[in-house]
Amino acid sequence: QVEYVDQVVQVPVQKQVQVPMVQTVQRHVEVPQVEYVDQVVHVPVQKQVQVPMVQTVQKRMVQTVQRHVEVPQVEYVDQVVHVPVQKQVQVPMVQTVQRHVEVPQV
């Protein structure tokens, strides 16, 4: 005779989960080509030169002649004039105050 003995055994559960797959895609990007064209330009060099100044001086013969000139004489006549002097005087201010005085009846 065969005897079966059942025994409970824990069996791990396996779940399947969908994991998204990351894909890297190569994209072609057009980069415009920049071309630099250099042009040679002639720049004239400016130099500063010191030019000497030439002065021409004319010489003249000068003669001095004496002349007699009559100068009129001016005479000043002074006259004494009396000018009155004005003085300022401080005048005191007078205040009048009214007082009520009671006279007793006799």
Protein backbone atom coordinates (compact mmCIF):
# COMPACT_ATOMS: atom_id res chain seq x y z
CA GLN A 1 0.00 0.00 0.00
CA VAL A 2 1.17 3.49 -0.81
CA GLU A 3 0.53 6.23 1.62
CA TYR A 4 0.47 9.81 0.51
CA VAL A 5 1.40 12.46 3.05
CA ASP A 6 0.49 15.98 1.94
CA GLN A 7 2.66 18.76 3.10
CA VAL A 8 2.04 22.48 2.52
CA VAL A 9 5.07 24.09 0.89
CA GLN A 10 5.41 27.83 0.25
CA VAL A 11 6.06 28.40 -3.42
CA PRO A 12 7.14 31.91 -4.34
CA VAL A 13 4.86 33.61 -6.81
CA GLN A 14 6.51 35.04 -9.85
CA LYS A 15 4.86 38.03 -11.45
CA GLN A 16 5.76 39.36 -14.79
CA VAL A 17 5.90 43.15 -15.04
CA GLN A 18 6.21 45.00 -18.34
CA VAL A 19 9.23 47.30 -18.09
CA PRO A 20 9.41 49.94 -20.82
CA MET A 21 12.50 49.71 -22.90
CA VAL A 22 14.44 52.91 -23.47
CA GLN A 23 15.60 53.25 -27.01
CA THR A 24 18.21 55.70 -28.15
CA VAL A 25 17.72 56.80 -31.70
CA GLN A 26 20.33 58.70 -33.61
CA ARG A 27 19.13 61.80 -35.40
CA HIS A 28 21.01 63.50 -38.14
CA VAL A 29 21.17 67.27 -37.74
CA GLU A 30 22.43 69.48 -40.52
CA VAL A 31 24.85 72.09 -39.28
CA PRO A 32 25.34 75.00 -41.69
CA GLN A 33 28.94 75.55 -42.64
CA VAL A 34 30.25 79.05 -42.01
CA GLU A 35 33.01 80.24 -44.24
CA TYR A 36 35.11 83.26 -43.36
CA VAL A 37 36.61 85.04 -46.31
CA ASP A 38 39.31 87.50 -45.34
CA GLN A 39 40.16 90.41 -47.57
CA VAL A 40 43.44 92.24 -47.31
CA VAL A 41 42.96 95.99 -47.21
CA HIS A 42 45.87 98.38 -47.54
CA VAL A 43 45.87 101.01 -44.78
CA PRO A 44 48.16 103.96 -45.46
CA VAL A 45 50.53 104.83 -42.65
CA GLN A 46 50.33 108.42 -41.44
CA LYS A 47 53.47 109.94 -40.10
CA GLN A 48 53.78 113.21 -38.26
CA VAL A 49 56.69 115.32 -39.31
CA GLN A 50 57.87 118.42 -37.49
CA VAL A 51 58.09 121.26 -40.00
CA PRO A 52 60.17 124.22 -38.86
CA MET A 53 58.39 127.59 -38.83
CA VAL A 54 60.11 130.25 -40.83
CA GLN A 55 59.49 133.82 -39.72
CA THR A 56 60.26 136.71 -41.94
CA VAL A 57 60.94 139.93 -40.12
CA GLN A 58 60.81 143.24 -41.95
CA LYS A 59 63.12 145.88 -40.66
CA ARG A 60 62.08 149.48 -41.02
CA MET A 61 63.94 152.63 -40.36
CA VAL A 62 62.19 154.66 -37.68
CA GLN A 63 62.72 158.38 -37.31
CA THR A 64 61.64 160.20 -34.19
CA VAL A 65 60.41 163.72 -34.66
CA GLN A 66 59.65 166.08 -31.82
CA ARG A 67 56.47 168.12 -32.01
CA HIS A 68 55.23 170.81 -29.71
CA VAL A 69 51.60 170.30 -28.73
CA GLU A 70 49.61 172.79 -26.71
CA VAL A 71 47.62 171.17 -23.94
CA PRO A 72 44.71 173.27 -22.64
CA GLN A 73 44.76 173.90 -18.91
CA VAL A 74 41.63 172.90 -16.99
CA GLU A 75 40.74 174.80 -13.82
CA TYR A 76 38.47 173.27 -11.19
CA VAL A 77 36.55 175.68 -8.94
CA ASP A 78 35.16 174.06 -5.81
CA GLN A 79 32.19 175.52 -3.96
CA VAL A 80 31.14 174.50 -0.46
CA VAL A 81 27.47 173.56 -0.28
CA HIS A 82 25.70 173.00 3.04
CA VAL A 83 23.88 169.67 3.12
CA PRO A 84 21.47 169.25 6.05
CA VAL A 85 22.04 166.09 8.07
CA GLN A 86 18.99 164.02 8.84
CA LYS A 87 19.07 162.14 12.10
CA GLN A 88 16.80 159.36 13.15
CA VAL A 89 15.52 159.53 16.69
CA GLN A 90 13.83 156.71 18.53
CA VAL A 91 10.49 157.91 19.87
CA PRO A 92 9.14 155.85 22.79
CA MET A 93 5.71 154.33 22.36
CA VAL A 94 3.13 155.46 24.93
CA GLN A 95 0.38 153.06 25.92
CA THR A 96 -2.73 154.23 27.68
CA VAL A 97 -4.47 151.70 29.85
CA GLN A 98 -7.96 152.26 31.30
CA ARG A 99 -8.50 151.32 34.89
CA HIS A 100 -11.76 151.02 36.71
CA VAL A 101 -11.55 152.44 40.17
CA GLU A 102 -14.39 152.00 42.61
CA VAL A 103 -15.03 155.00 44.81
CA PRO A 104 -16.64 154.11 48.15
CA GLN A 105 -19.76 156.10 48.98
CA VAL A 106 -19.70 157.98 52.21
